[in-house]
Amino acid sequence: MPSFSWDEPEGLAPRGTLIVLAGRGEHGGVYERFGRRLAFDAYRVRALGDPSADPSVLDEAAKLLADETLPGPKVLVGSDTGASYAARLAAERTAGVDALILAGLPTGAWAAGSWEEEVEARTACPTHRGRLTNDPAFRRGALAEAPVTHSLGLVRIPVLALHGADDTVSPVDSAYAGTSVRPVILHGGRHDVLNDALHRTVAATVVLFLERLRLSPELPVIAEGLA
């Protein structure tokens, strides 16, 4: 499966690089909306496939992290099992990873009785539902595959975790049990939180995290008093 790229607008200096690892059944192309929005804010985005279906994705991620032509900070973004693999790479001290963004960290296998039930659990966004439904490269039923363990407790770099409050695939109460990570909970959000109905709020949250990361790995506060 090919990788997908979105770059900063002409005339703007790039502010960093995001490397996206897709989740079960997905490919990098389903993150086009996310990639375009972050690229508009001058972050380069490289979206790869599902590592659980194609282990070579991890080799490609390592190459991108080592690519000195891509600007830092370099952040691994993972959705579903992509989040588990991103955490594993960070726990293994893979060179070049400055931070993690984890969305819908999985807790186990999940099986729906129909495609309608699966897409309902994945997203409340009608645009994204239509994309998945009409995408011949998307693997339906892949959520029934058991996810890899994530090793998040061994990660020693900044982490932004995003999780839908209404995620029935990976309930938030158990997703981060045993870790010190406190997720940003999206009320009304479902499993595919980067592509859910609240995708604008998610993108804004990601940009704020990235801007803080650019200042320091200690994530200094930029704005206070936001409602």
N, C-alpha and C. Protein backbone atom coordinates (compact mmCIF):
# COMPACT_ATOMS: atom_id res chain seq x y z
N MET A 1 0.84 -1.19 0.00
CA MET A 1 0.00 0.00 0.00
C MET A 1 0.88 1.24 0.00
N PRO A 2 0.63 2.21 -0.87
CA PRO A 2 1.49 3.40 -0.95
C PRO A 2 1.32 4.31 0.26
N SER A 3 2.33 5.17 0.48
CA SER A 3 2.21 6.19 1.50
C SER A 3 1.57 7.43 0.88
N PHE A 4 1.06 8.31 1.73
CA PHE A 4 0.40 9.52 1.26
C PHE A 4 1.07 10.72 1.92
N SER A 5 1.21 11.81 1.17
CA SER A 5 1.97 12.97 1.64
C SER A 5 1.17 14.24 1.46
N TRP A 6 1.27 15.12 2.46
CA TRP A 6 0.71 16.47 2.39
C TRP A 6 1.74 17.42 2.96
N ASP A 7 2.07 18.46 2.21
CA ASP A 7 3.10 19.41 2.60
C ASP A 7 2.53 20.79 2.86
N GLU A 8 3.35 21.62 3.50
CA GLU A 8 2.97 22.98 3.84
C GLU A 8 2.73 23.81 2.57
N PRO A 9 1.90 24.84 2.66
CA PRO A 9 1.66 25.70 1.49
C PRO A 9 2.95 26.37 1.03
N GLU A 10 3.01 26.65 -0.26
CA GLU A 10 4.19 27.31 -0.82
C GLU A 10 4.42 28.65 -0.13
N GLY A 11 5.68 28.89 0.23
CA GLY A 11 6.03 30.14 0.87
C GLY A 11 6.10 30.09 2.38
N LEU A 12 5.63 29.00 2.98
CA LEU A 12 5.68 28.85 4.42
C LEU A 12 6.80 27.88 4.81
N ALA A 13 7.48 28.17 5.91
CA ALA A 13 8.50 27.26 6.41
C ALA A 13 7.83 26.11 7.16
N PRO A 14 8.24 24.87 6.91
CA PRO A 14 7.63 23.73 7.61
C PRO A 14 7.94 23.79 9.10
N ARG A 15 6.96 23.37 9.91
CA ARG A 15 7.08 23.47 11.36
C ARG A 15 7.32 22.12 12.04
N GLY A 16 7.32 21.04 11.29
CA GLY A 16 7.53 19.72 11.85
C GLY A 16 6.94 18.67 10.94
N THR A 17 7.08 17.41 11.33
CA THR A 17 6.61 16.29 10.52
C THR A 17 5.79 15.33 11.35
N LEU A 18 4.64 14.94 10.83
CA LEU A 18 3.79 13.94 11.45
C LEU A 18 3.80 12.69 10.58
N ILE A 19 4.05 11.55 11.20
CA ILE A 19 4.06 10.26 10.51
C ILE A 19 2.90 9.44 11.07
N VAL A 20 1.91 9.20 10.23
CA VAL A 20 0.67 8.56 10.66
C VAL A 20 0.71 7.06 10.38
N LEU A 21 0.41 6.27 11.41
CA LEU A 21 0.25 4.82 11.26
C LEU A 21 -1.24 4.50 11.35
N ALA A 22 -1.78 3.93 10.29
CA ALA A 22 -3.21 3.65 10.23
C ALA A 22 -3.60 2.48 11.12
N GLY A 23 -4.89 2.36 11.37
CA GLY A 23 -5.42 1.29 12.21
C GLY A 23 -5.92 0.11 11.40
N ARG A 24 -6.54 -0.82 12.12
CA ARG A 24 -7.02 -2.05 11.50
C ARG A 24 -7.98 -1.76 10.33
N GLY A 25 -7.64 -2.33 9.18
CA GLY A 25 -8.47 -2.20 8.00
C GLY A 25 -8.22 -0.96 7.17
N GLU A 26 -7.46 -0.02 7.72
CA GLU A 26 -7.29 1.27 7.06
C GLU A 26 -6.05 1.32 6.16
N HIS A 27 -5.95 2.41 5.42
CA HIS A 27 -4.73 2.75 4.69
C HIS A 27 -4.50 4.24 4.88
N GLY A 28 -3.33 4.72 4.51
CA GLY A 28 -2.99 6.11 4.77
C GLY A 28 -3.93 7.12 4.13
N GLY A 29 -4.53 6.74 3.02
CA GLY A 29 -5.40 7.67 2.31
C GLY A 29 -6.63 8.10 3.07
N VAL A 30 -7.07 7.31 4.05
CA VAL A 30 -8.27 7.70 4.80
C VAL A 30 -7.99 8.88 5.72
N TYR A 31 -6.71 9.27 5.84
CA TYR A 31 -6.34 10.42 6.67
C TYR A 31 -6.09 11.68 5.85
N GLU A 32 -6.67 11.73 4.65
CA GLU A 32 -6.48 12.88 3.77
C GLU A 32 -6.97 14.17 4.42
N ARG A 33 -8.15 14.14 5.00
CA ARG A 33 -8.70 15.36 5.61
C ARG A 33 -7.82 15.83 6.75
N PHE A 34 -7.39 14.90 7.60
CA PHE A 34 -6.48 15.24 8.70
C PHE A 34 -5.17 15.78 8.16
N GLY A 35 -4.61 15.11 7.15
CA GLY A 35 -3.33 15.52 6.59
C GLY A 35 -3.39 16.90 5.96
N ARG A 36 -4.44 17.17 5.21
CA ARG A 36 -4.57 18.47 4.56
C ARG A 36 -4.71 19.59 5.60
N ARG A 37 -5.47 19.32 6.66
CA ARG A 37 -5.68 20.37 7.67
C ARG A 37 -4.39 20.69 8.40
N LEU A 38 -3.61 19.66 8.77
CA LEU A 38 -2.35 19.90 9.47
C LEU A 38 -1.32 20.53 8.54
N ALA A 39 -1.33 20.13 7.28
CA ALA A 39 -0.42 20.72 6.31
C ALA A 39 -0.72 22.20 6.12
N PHE A 40 -1.98 22.58 6.19
CA PHE A 40 -2.34 23.99 6.07
C PHE A 40 -1.68 24.82 7.16
N ASP A 41 -1.44 24.22 8.33
CA ASP A 41 -0.75 24.89 9.43
C ASP A 41 0.76 24.68 9.35
N ALA A 42 1.24 24.24 8.20
CA ALA A 42 2.67 24.13 7.87
C ALA A 42 3.36 22.92 8.50
N TYR A 43 2.59 21.90 8.86
CA TYR A 43 3.19 20.64 9.30
C TYR A 43 3.15 19.64 8.14
N ARG A 44 4.27 19.01 7.87
CA ARG A 44 4.28 17.97 6.85
C ARG A 44 3.69 16.68 7.42
N VAL A 45 2.89 16.00 6.61
CA VAL A 45 2.21 14.79 7.05
C VAL A 45 2.52 13.67 6.07
N ARG A 46 2.95 12.52 6.63
CA ARG A 46 3.18 11.31 5.85
C ARG A 46 2.33 10.21 6.46
N ALA A 47 1.36 9.72 5.71
CA ALA A 47 0.42 8.72 6.23
C ALA A 47 0.72 7.35 5.63
N LEU A 48 0.97 6.39 6.50
CA LEU A 48 1.31 5.03 6.09
C LEU A 48 0.14 4.09 6.36
N GLY A 49 0.33 2.82 6.04
CA GLY A 49 -0.74 1.85 6.15
C GLY A 49 -0.88 1.25 7.54
N ASP A 50 -1.54 0.11 7.59
CA ASP A 50 -1.85 -0.62 8.82
C ASP A 50 -0.70 -1.59 9.12
N PRO A 51 0.10 -1.33 10.15
CA PRO A 51 1.24 -2.22 10.42
C PRO A 51 0.83 -3.65 10.77
N SER A 52 -0.36 -3.85 11.30
CA SER A 52 -0.79 -5.20 11.64
C SER A 52 -1.05 -6.04 10.40
N ALA A 53 -1.32 -5.39 9.27
CA ALA A 53 -1.53 -6.11 8.01
C ALA A 53 -0.27 -6.13 7.15
N ASP A 54 0.61 -5.13 7.35
CA ASP A 54 1.83 -5.03 6.54
C ASP A 54 2.98 -4.56 7.43
N PRO A 55 3.78 -5.50 7.97
CA PRO A 55 4.88 -5.12 8.88
C PRO A 55 5.91 -4.20 8.26
N SER A 56 5.98 -4.14 6.93
CA SER A 56 6.96 -3.25 6.30
C SER A 56 6.65 -1.78 6.57
N VAL A 57 5.43 -1.50 7.01
CA VAL A 57 5.06 -0.13 7.37
C VAL A 57 5.99 0.40 8.46
N LEU A 58 6.39 -0.46 9.40
CA LEU A 58 7.26 -0.02 10.48
C LEU A 58 8.65 0.33 9.97
N ASP A 59 9.12 -0.39 8.97
CA ASP A 59 10.41 -0.05 8.35
C ASP A 59 10.33 1.30 7.65
N GLU A 60 9.22 1.54 6.99
CA GLU A 60 9.03 2.81 6.31
C GLU A 60 8.95 3.96 7.31
N ALA A 61 8.29 3.71 8.44
CA ALA A 61 8.21 4.75 9.48
C ALA A 61 9.60 5.07 10.00
N ALA A 62 10.43 4.04 10.23
CA ALA A 62 11.79 4.26 10.73
C ALA A 62 12.61 5.06 9.71
N LYS A 63 12.42 4.80 8.42
CA LYS A 63 13.14 5.56 7.39
C LYS A 63 12.73 7.02 7.39
N LEU A 64 11.45 7.29 7.57
CA LEU A 64 10.97 8.67 7.61
C LEU A 64 11.51 9.38 8.85
N LEU A 65 11.57 8.69 9.96
CA LEU A 65 12.11 9.29 11.18
C LEU A 65 13.59 9.63 11.02
N ALA A 66 14.30 8.83 10.23
CA ALA A 66 15.73 9.05 10.02
C ALA A 66 16.02 10.01 8.87
N ASP A 67 15.00 10.39 8.13
CA ASP A 67 15.18 11.24 6.94
C ASP A 67 15.47 12.68 7.39
N GLU A 68 16.68 13.13 7.19
CA GLU A 68 17.08 14.46 7.65
C GLU A 68 16.50 15.58 6.80
N THR A 69 15.90 15.25 5.68
CA THR A 69 15.26 16.29 4.87
C THR A 69 13.88 16.65 5.41
N LEU A 70 13.35 15.84 6.30
CA LEU A 70 12.06 16.14 6.92
C LEU A 70 12.29 16.93 8.20
N PRO A 71 11.57 18.02 8.39
CA PRO A 71 11.82 18.88 9.54
C PRO A 71 11.30 18.29 10.85
N GLY A 72 11.97 18.61 11.94
CA GLY A 72 11.51 18.26 13.26
C GLY A 72 10.76 19.42 13.89
N PRO A 73 10.06 19.14 14.99
CA PRO A 73 10.00 17.83 15.65
C PRO A 73 9.24 16.81 14.80
N LYS A 74 9.62 15.55 15.01
CA LYS A 74 8.96 14.45 14.31
C LYS A 74 8.07 13.70 15.30
N VAL A 75 6.81 13.55 14.92
CA VAL A 75 5.80 13.01 15.81
C VAL A 75 5.13 11.81 15.15
N LEU A 76 5.09 10.70 15.85
CA LEU A 76 4.35 9.52 15.38
C LEU A 76 2.90 9.68 15.80
N VAL A 77 2.02 9.54 14.83
CA VAL A 77 0.58 9.61 15.08
C VAL A 77 0.00 8.23 14.77
N GLY A 78 -0.68 7.65 15.74
CA GLY A 78 -1.25 6.33 15.51
C GLY A 78 -2.72 6.29 15.86
N SER A 79 -3.50 5.63 15.02
CA SER A 79 -4.92 5.42 15.30
C SER A 79 -5.18 3.93 15.45
N ASP A 80 -5.98 3.56 16.47
CA ASP A 80 -6.29 2.15 16.71
C ASP A 80 -4.99 1.36 16.88
N THR A 81 -4.78 0.27 16.18
CA THR A 81 -3.53 -0.47 16.35
C THR A 81 -2.32 0.33 15.89
N GLY A 82 -2.52 1.32 15.02
CA GLY A 82 -1.43 2.22 14.68
C GLY A 82 -0.90 2.93 15.92
N ALA A 83 -1.80 3.22 16.87
CA ALA A 83 -1.39 3.82 18.13
C ALA A 83 -0.55 2.85 18.95
N SER A 84 -0.94 1.59 18.96
CA SER A 84 -0.17 0.57 19.69
C SER A 84 1.23 0.44 19.12
N TYR A 85 1.33 0.41 17.80
CA TYR A 85 2.65 0.28 17.16
C TYR A 85 3.48 1.55 17.36
N ALA A 86 2.86 2.71 17.32
CA ALA A 86 3.60 3.95 17.57
C ALA A 86 4.19 3.94 18.97
N ALA A 87 3.39 3.50 19.95
CA ALA A 87 3.89 3.43 21.33
C ALA A 87 5.02 2.43 21.45
N ARG A 88 4.92 1.33 20.73
CA ARG A 88 6.00 0.33 20.75
C ARG A 88 7.31 0.91 20.21
N LEU A 89 7.21 1.63 19.09
CA LEU A 89 8.41 2.23 18.51
C LEU A 89 9.04 3.22 19.48
N ALA A 90 8.21 4.00 20.15
CA ALA A 90 8.74 4.96 21.12
C ALA A 90 9.34 4.25 22.33
N ALA A 91 8.71 3.18 22.79
CA ALA A 91 9.22 2.43 23.94
C ALA A 91 10.55 1.77 23.63
N GLU A 92 10.74 1.42 22.36
CA GLU A 92 12.00 0.80 21.94
C GLU A 92 13.08 1.84 21.66
N ARG A 93 12.78 3.13 21.95
CA ARG A 93 13.73 4.23 21.75
C ARG A 93 14.14 4.36 20.29
N THR A 94 13.20 4.13 19.39
CA THR A 94 13.48 4.30 17.97
C THR A 94 13.96 5.73 17.71
N ALA A 95 15.06 5.85 16.99
CA ALA A 95 15.68 7.16 16.78
C ALA A 95 14.74 8.10 16.03
N GLY A 96 14.71 9.34 16.47
CA GLY A 96 13.99 10.37 15.75
C GLY A 96 12.60 10.68 16.24
N VAL A 97 12.06 9.90 17.17
CA VAL A 97 10.69 10.14 17.65
C VAL A 97 10.73 11.19 18.76
N ASP A 98 10.11 12.32 18.52
CA ASP A 98 10.09 13.39 19.52
C ASP A 98 8.83 13.38 20.38
N ALA A 99 7.74 12.80 19.88
CA ALA A 99 6.49 12.78 20.63
C ALA A 99 5.53 11.80 19.97
N LEU A 100 4.46 11.48 20.69
CA LEU A 100 3.42 10.59 20.19
C LEU A 100 2.07 11.28 20.24
N ILE A 101 1.24 11.01 19.24
CA ILE A 101 -0.17 11.35 19.28
C ILE A 101 -0.93 10.05 19.06
N LEU A 102 -1.71 9.63 20.05
CA LEU A 102 -2.40 8.35 20.02
C LEU A 102 -3.90 8.59 19.99
N ALA A 103 -4.59 7.94 19.05
CA ALA A 103 -6.03 8.11 18.90
C ALA A 103 -6.71 6.74 18.95
N GLY A 104 -7.67 6.60 19.85
CA GLY A 104 -8.42 5.35 19.93
C GLY A 104 -7.55 4.15 20.24
N LEU A 105 -6.63 4.30 21.21
CA LEU A 105 -5.77 3.17 21.60
C LEU A 105 -6.62 1.93 21.87
N PRO A 106 -6.34 0.81 21.19
CA PRO A 106 -7.25 -0.35 21.30
C PRO A 106 -7.05 -1.15 22.58
N THR A 107 -8.12 -1.80 22.99
CA THR A 107 -8.08 -2.65 24.18
C THR A 107 -8.24 -4.13 23.84
N GLY A 108 -8.71 -4.45 22.67
CA GLY A 108 -8.89 -5.85 22.30
C GLY A 108 -9.61 -5.97 20.97
N ALA A 109 -9.92 -7.19 20.60
CA ALA A 109 -10.66 -7.44 19.36
C ALA A 109 -12.12 -7.03 19.55
N TRP A 110 -12.73 -6.63 18.46
CA TRP A 110 -14.13 -6.20 18.50
C TRP A 110 -14.80 -6.68 17.23
N ALA A 111 -15.94 -7.26 17.35
CA ALA A 111 -16.61 -7.82 16.18
C ALA A 111 -18.03 -7.30 16.09
N ALA A 112 -18.37 -6.75 14.95
CA ALA A 112 -19.73 -6.29 14.70
C ALA A 112 -20.46 -7.32 13.85
N GLY A 113 -21.76 -7.33 13.96
CA GLY A 113 -22.54 -8.28 13.18
C GLY A 113 -22.76 -7.84 11.75
N SER A 114 -22.55 -6.58 11.45
CA SER A 114 -22.80 -6.07 10.11
C SER A 114 -21.90 -4.87 9.85
N TRP A 115 -21.81 -4.49 8.57
CA TRP A 115 -21.03 -3.30 8.23
C TRP A 115 -21.66 -2.05 8.85
N GLU A 116 -22.99 -2.01 8.89
CA GLU A 116 -23.67 -0.86 9.47
C GLU A 116 -23.28 -0.68 10.93
N GLU A 117 -23.15 -1.78 11.67
CA GLU A 117 -22.74 -1.69 13.07
C GLU A 117 -21.29 -1.24 13.19
N GLU A 118 -20.44 -1.72 12.29
CA GLU A 118 -19.03 -1.35 12.35
C GLU A 118 -18.84 0.14 12.06
N VAL A 119 -19.44 0.63 10.99
CA VAL A 119 -19.24 2.03 10.64
C VAL A 119 -19.88 2.94 11.68
N GLU A 120 -20.95 2.49 12.31
CA GLU A 120 -21.58 3.24 13.40
C GLU A 120 -20.63 3.37 14.58
N ALA A 121 -19.90 2.30 14.88
CA ALA A 121 -18.96 2.33 15.99
C ALA A 121 -17.71 3.13 15.65
N ARG A 122 -17.35 3.15 14.40
CA ARG A 122 -16.13 3.86 13.99
C ARG A 122 -16.30 5.37 14.03
N THR A 123 -17.37 5.89 13.47
CA THR A 123 -17.47 7.34 13.31
C THR A 123 -18.91 7.81 13.21
N ALA A 124 -19.14 9.03 13.73
CA ALA A 124 -20.45 9.66 13.57
C ALA A 124 -20.45 10.66 12.43
N CYS A 125 -19.30 10.82 11.76
CA CYS A 125 -19.19 11.79 10.67
C CYS A 125 -19.75 11.20 9.38
N PRO A 126 -20.78 11.79 8.80
CA PRO A 126 -21.36 11.21 7.58
C PRO A 126 -20.38 11.22 6.40
N THR A 127 -19.51 12.22 6.33
CA THR A 127 -18.53 12.26 5.25
C THR A 127 -17.57 11.09 5.36
N HIS A 128 -17.07 10.84 6.56
CA HIS A 128 -16.12 9.74 6.73
C HIS A 128 -16.82 8.39 6.57
N ARG A 129 -18.05 8.27 7.02
CA ARG A 129 -18.80 7.03 6.80
C ARG A 129 -18.90 6.72 5.31
N GLY A 130 -19.20 7.75 4.53
CA GLY A 130 -19.30 7.55 3.09
C GLY A 130 -17.98 7.15 2.48
N ARG A 131 -16.90 7.73 2.96
CA ARG A 131 -15.58 7.39 2.42
C ARG A 131 -15.27 5.93 2.69
N LEU A 132 -15.45 5.49 3.93
CA LEU A 132 -15.15 4.10 4.27
C LEU A 132 -16.05 3.13 3.51
N THR A 133 -17.31 3.46 3.41
CA THR A 133 -18.27 2.57 2.75
C THR A 133 -17.93 2.37 1.27
N ASN A 134 -17.40 3.41 0.63
CA ASN A 134 -17.14 3.36 -0.81
C ASN A 134 -15.67 3.15 -1.16
N ASP A 135 -14.86 2.81 -0.17
CA ASP A 135 -13.42 2.66 -0.37
C ASP A 135 -13.08 1.18 -0.58
N PRO A 136 -12.72 0.78 -1.80
CA PRO A 136 -12.42 -0.64 -2.04
C PRO A 136 -11.15 -1.12 -1.35
N ALA A 137 -10.27 -0.20 -0.94
CA ALA A 137 -9.03 -0.59 -0.28
C ALA A 137 -9.20 -0.75 1.22
N PHE A 138 -10.32 -0.34 1.76
CA PHE A 138 -10.58 -0.48 3.19
C PHE A 138 -11.05 -1.91 3.48
N ARG A 139 -10.49 -2.51 4.55
CA ARG A 139 -10.85 -3.90 4.90
C ARG A 139 -11.93 -3.91 5.97
N ARG A 140 -13.13 -4.26 5.58
CA ARG A 140 -14.22 -4.36 6.55
C ARG A 140 -14.00 -5.55 7.49
N GLY A 141 -14.43 -5.40 8.73
CA GLY A 141 -14.34 -6.48 9.70
C GLY A 141 -12.99 -6.63 10.35
N ALA A 142 -12.02 -5.76 10.03
CA ALA A 142 -10.66 -5.90 10.57
C ALA A 142 -10.59 -5.65 12.07
N LEU A 143 -11.59 -4.97 12.62
CA LEU A 143 -11.58 -4.72 14.06
C LEU A 143 -11.69 -6.01 14.87
N ALA A 144 -12.07 -7.11 14.22
CA ALA A 144 -12.14 -8.40 14.90
C ALA A 144 -10.76 -9.00 15.14
N GLU A 145 -9.72 -8.42 14.52
CA GLU A 145 -8.35 -8.91 14.71
C GLU A 145 -7.80 -8.39 16.04
N ALA A 146 -7.15 -9.25 16.81
CA ALA A 146 -6.60 -8.84 18.10
C ALA A 146 -5.47 -7.85 17.91
N PRO A 147 -5.48 -6.73 18.64
CA PRO A 147 -4.42 -5.73 18.48
C PRO A 147 -3.15 -6.13 19.22
N VAL A 148 -2.03 -5.60 18.77
CA VAL A 148 -0.75 -5.83 19.44
C VAL A 148 -0.74 -5.05 20.75
N THR A 149 0.01 -5.54 21.76
CA THR A 149 0.16 -4.79 23.01
C THR A 149 0.99 -3.54 22.76
N HIS A 150 0.77 -2.51 23.57
CA HIS A 150 1.31 -1.20 23.21
C HIS A 150 2.57 -0.73 23.93
N SER A 151 2.92 -1.23 25.08
CA SER A 151 4.14 -0.82 25.80
C SER A 151 4.14 0.66 26.17
N LEU A 152 2.96 1.26 26.32
CA LEU A 152 2.88 2.70 26.59
C LEU A 152 3.53 3.08 27.92
N GLY A 153 3.52 2.17 28.87
CA GLY A 153 4.11 2.46 30.16
C GLY A 153 5.62 2.69 30.11
N LEU A 154 6.26 2.29 29.00
CA LEU A 154 7.71 2.45 28.86
C LEU A 154 8.10 3.69 28.06
N VAL A 155 7.11 4.45 27.62
CA VAL A 155 7.37 5.62 26.78
C VAL A 155 7.83 6.78 27.66
N ARG A 156 8.89 7.48 27.22
CA ARG A 156 9.47 8.57 27.99
C ARG A 156 9.53 9.87 27.19
N ILE A 157 8.64 10.04 26.24
CA ILE A 157 8.55 11.27 25.46
C ILE A 157 7.13 11.81 25.60
N PRO A 158 6.90 13.07 25.22
CA PRO A 158 5.55 13.63 25.35
C PRO A 158 4.51 12.84 24.57
N VAL A 159 3.33 12.70 25.18
CA VAL A 159 2.24 11.94 24.57
C VAL A 159 0.95 12.76 24.62
N LEU A 160 0.30 12.89 23.49
CA LEU A 160 -1.06 13.40 23.43
C LEU A 160 -1.97 12.24 23.08
N ALA A 161 -2.86 11.90 23.98
CA ALA A 161 -3.81 10.81 23.74
C ALA A 161 -5.20 11.40 23.52
N LEU A 162 -5.84 10.98 22.45
CA LEU A 162 -7.18 11.45 22.10
C LEU A 162 -8.12 10.25 22.08
N HIS A 163 -9.27 10.39 22.74
CA HIS A 163 -10.16 9.23 22.83
C HIS A 163 -11.61 9.69 22.88
N GLY A 164 -12.44 9.00 22.12
CA GLY A 164 -13.87 9.32 22.11
C GLY A 164 -14.56 8.80 23.35
N ALA A 165 -15.38 9.64 23.97
CA ALA A 165 -16.12 9.21 25.16
C ALA A 165 -17.11 8.10 24.83
N ASP A 166 -17.57 8.06 23.57
CA ASP A 166 -18.55 7.05 23.16
C ASP A 166 -17.90 5.94 22.32
N ASP A 167 -16.62 5.70 22.55
CA ASP A 167 -15.90 4.65 21.83
C ASP A 167 -16.28 3.29 22.41
N THR A 168 -17.07 2.52 21.67
CA THR A 168 -17.47 1.18 22.13
C THR A 168 -16.49 0.11 21.68
N VAL A 169 -15.62 0.45 20.72
CA VAL A 169 -14.60 -0.50 20.27
C VAL A 169 -13.50 -0.61 21.32
N SER A 170 -13.13 0.52 21.87
CA SER A 170 -12.06 0.60 22.86
C SER A 170 -12.50 1.56 23.97
N PRO A 171 -13.24 1.07 24.96
CA PRO A 171 -13.77 1.96 26.01
C PRO A 171 -12.64 2.72 26.72
N VAL A 172 -12.83 4.02 26.87
CA VAL A 172 -11.77 4.87 27.41
C VAL A 172 -11.39 4.48 28.84
N ASP A 173 -12.31 3.95 29.61
CA ASP A 173 -12.01 3.61 30.99
C ASP A 173 -10.94 2.53 31.11
N SER A 174 -10.81 1.69 30.09
CA SER A 174 -9.81 0.62 30.15
C SER A 174 -8.63 0.84 29.22
N ALA A 175 -8.72 1.79 28.28
CA ALA A 175 -7.67 1.96 27.27
C ALA A 175 -6.34 2.36 27.89
N TYR A 176 -6.35 3.17 28.94
CA TYR A 176 -5.10 3.68 29.52
C TYR A 176 -4.85 3.17 30.94
N ALA A 177 -5.54 2.10 31.30
CA ALA A 177 -5.34 1.51 32.62
C ALA A 177 -3.89 1.06 32.77
N GLY A 178 -3.28 1.36 33.92
CA GLY A 178 -1.91 0.95 34.17
C GLY A 178 -0.87 1.89 33.60
N THR A 179 -1.29 3.01 33.00
CA THR A 179 -0.35 4.00 32.48
C THR A 179 -0.60 5.33 33.19
N SER A 180 0.34 6.25 33.03
CA SER A 180 0.18 7.58 33.62
C SER A 180 -0.41 8.57 32.63
N VAL A 181 -0.77 8.11 31.45
CA VAL A 181 -1.30 8.98 30.40
C VAL A 181 -2.75 9.35 30.71
N ARG A 182 -3.03 10.64 30.63
CA ARG A 182 -4.40 11.12 30.82
C ARG A 182 -4.92 11.60 29.47
N PRO A 183 -5.85 10.89 28.88
CA PRO A 183 -6.29 11.24 27.54
C PRO A 183 -7.18 12.48 27.51
N VAL A 184 -7.14 13.17 26.37
CA VAL A 184 -8.13 14.20 26.08
C VAL A 184 -9.37 13.46 25.59
N ILE A 185 -10.48 13.62 26.31
CA ILE A 185 -11.70 12.89 25.99
C ILE A 185 -12.61 13.76 25.14
N LEU A 186 -13.01 13.24 24.00
CA LEU A 186 -13.89 13.95 23.08
C LEU A 186 -15.33 13.50 23.33
N HIS A 187 -16.13 14.38 23.88
CA HIS A 187 -17.50 14.03 24.21
C HIS A 187 -18.32 13.82 22.94
N GLY A 188 -18.93 12.66 22.85
CA GLY A 188 -19.65 12.29 21.64
C GLY A 188 -18.78 11.61 20.60
N GLY A 189 -17.47 11.56 20.88
CA GLY A 189 -16.54 10.95 19.93
C GLY A 189 -16.61 9.44 19.93
N ARG A 190 -16.34 8.86 18.77
CA ARG A 190 -16.33 7.40 18.63
C ARG A 190 -14.91 6.91 18.38
N HIS A 191 -14.74 5.74 17.77
CA HIS A 191 -13.41 5.12 17.75
C HIS A 191 -12.42 5.81 16.82
N ASP A 192 -12.84 6.14 15.61
CA ASP A 192 -11.92 6.76 14.64
C ASP A 192 -11.87 8.27 14.91
N VAL A 193 -11.30 8.63 16.05
CA VAL A 193 -11.45 9.99 16.56
C VAL A 193 -10.80 11.04 15.66
N LEU A 194 -9.75 10.70 14.93
CA LEU A 194 -9.14 11.67 14.02
C LEU A 194 -10.05 12.00 12.84
N ASN A 195 -10.96 11.09 12.53
CA ASN A 195 -11.86 11.26 11.39
C ASN A 195 -13.32 11.31 11.81
N ASP A 196 -13.57 11.68 13.05
CA ASP A 196 -14.93 11.66 13.56
C ASP A 196 -15.60 13.03 13.35
N ALA A 197 -16.82 13.16 13.83
CA ALA A 197 -17.57 14.41 13.64
C ALA A 197 -16.88 15.60 14.30
N LEU A 198 -16.04 15.34 15.31
CA LEU A 198 -15.33 16.40 16.02
C LEU A 198 -13.92 16.62 15.45
N HIS A 199 -13.72 16.30 14.18
CA HIS A 199 -12.36 16.34 13.62
C HIS A 199 -11.75 17.73 13.67
N ARG A 200 -12.55 18.79 13.62
CA ARG A 200 -11.98 20.14 13.71
C ARG A 200 -11.43 20.41 15.11
N THR A 201 -12.16 19.99 16.13
CA THR A 201 -11.68 20.14 17.50
C THR A 201 -10.43 19.31 17.72
N VAL A 202 -10.41 18.11 17.17
CA VAL A 202 -9.24 17.23 17.28
C VAL A 202 -8.03 17.89 16.62
N ALA A 203 -8.20 18.41 15.41
CA ALA A 203 -7.09 19.04 14.71
C ALA A 203 -6.56 20.24 15.48
N ALA A 204 -7.46 21.03 16.05
CA ALA A 204 -7.03 22.19 16.83
C ALA A 204 -6.25 21.75 18.07
N THR A 205 -6.69 20.68 18.71
CA THR A 205 -5.99 20.15 19.88
C THR A 205 -4.61 19.65 19.49
N VAL A 206 -4.51 19.00 18.35
CA VAL A 206 -3.22 18.51 17.85
C VAL A 206 -2.27 19.67 17.57
N VAL A 207 -2.77 20.71 16.92
CA VAL A 207 -1.91 21.85 16.59
C VAL A 207 -1.40 22.53 17.86
N LEU A 208 -2.25 22.69 18.85
CA LEU A 208 -1.81 23.30 20.11
C LEU A 208 -0.71 22.46 20.76
N PHE A 209 -0.88 21.13 20.75
CA PHE A 209 0.15 20.23 21.28
C PHE A 209 1.46 20.40 20.51
N LEU A 210 1.38 20.45 19.19
CA LEU A 210 2.58 20.58 18.36
C LEU A 210 3.29 21.91 18.60
N GLU A 211 2.52 22.98 18.75
CA GLU A 211 3.13 24.28 18.98
C GLU A 211 3.83 24.31 20.34
N ARG A 212 3.25 23.67 21.34
CA ARG A 212 3.91 23.57 22.64
C ARG A 212 5.17 22.71 22.54
N LEU A 213 5.10 21.64 21.79
CA LEU A 213 6.25 20.76 21.61
C LEU A 213 7.40 21.49 20.93
N ARG A 214 7.09 22.37 19.99
CA ARG A 214 8.13 23.12 19.31
C ARG A 214 8.90 24.01 20.28
N LEU A 215 8.24 24.47 21.32
CA LEU A 215 8.90 25.32 22.31
C LEU A 215 9.82 24.50 23.21
N SER A 216 9.34 23.32 23.62
CA SER A 216 10.13 22.49 24.55
C SER A 216 9.43 21.15 24.75
N PRO A 217 10.21 20.06 24.98
CA PRO A 217 9.60 18.77 25.32
C PRO A 217 8.83 18.81 26.64
N GLU A 218 9.03 19.86 27.43
CA GLU A 218 8.29 20.02 28.68
C GLU A 218 6.88 20.57 28.44
N LEU A 219 6.56 20.88 27.20
CA LEU A 219 5.23 21.34 26.80
C LEU A 219 4.76 22.55 27.61
N PRO A 220 5.48 23.67 27.51
CA PRO A 220 5.04 24.87 28.24
C PRO A 220 3.67 25.32 27.79
N VAL A 221 2.93 25.90 28.71
CA VAL A 221 1.58 26.39 28.40
C VAL A 221 1.68 27.63 27.51
N ILE A 222 0.88 27.67 26.45
CA ILE A 222 0.84 28.82 25.55
C ILE A 222 -0.35 29.70 25.88
N ALA A 223 -1.50 29.10 26.09
CA ALA A 223 -2.73 29.86 26.35
C ALA A 223 -3.42 29.31 27.58
N GLU A 224 -3.91 30.19 28.41
CA GLU A 224 -4.63 29.78 29.62
C GLU A 224 -6.03 30.40 29.62
N GLY A 225 -6.87 29.79 30.44
CA GLY A 225 -8.20 30.35 30.63
C GLY A 225 -9.18 30.02 29.52
N LEU A 226 -8.85 29.03 28.67
CA LEU A 226 -9.76 28.64 27.60
C LEU A 226 -10.94 27.86 28.19
N ALA A 227 -12.15 28.17 27.74
CA ALA A 227 -13.34 27.46 28.23
C ALA A 227 -13.48 26.14 27.52
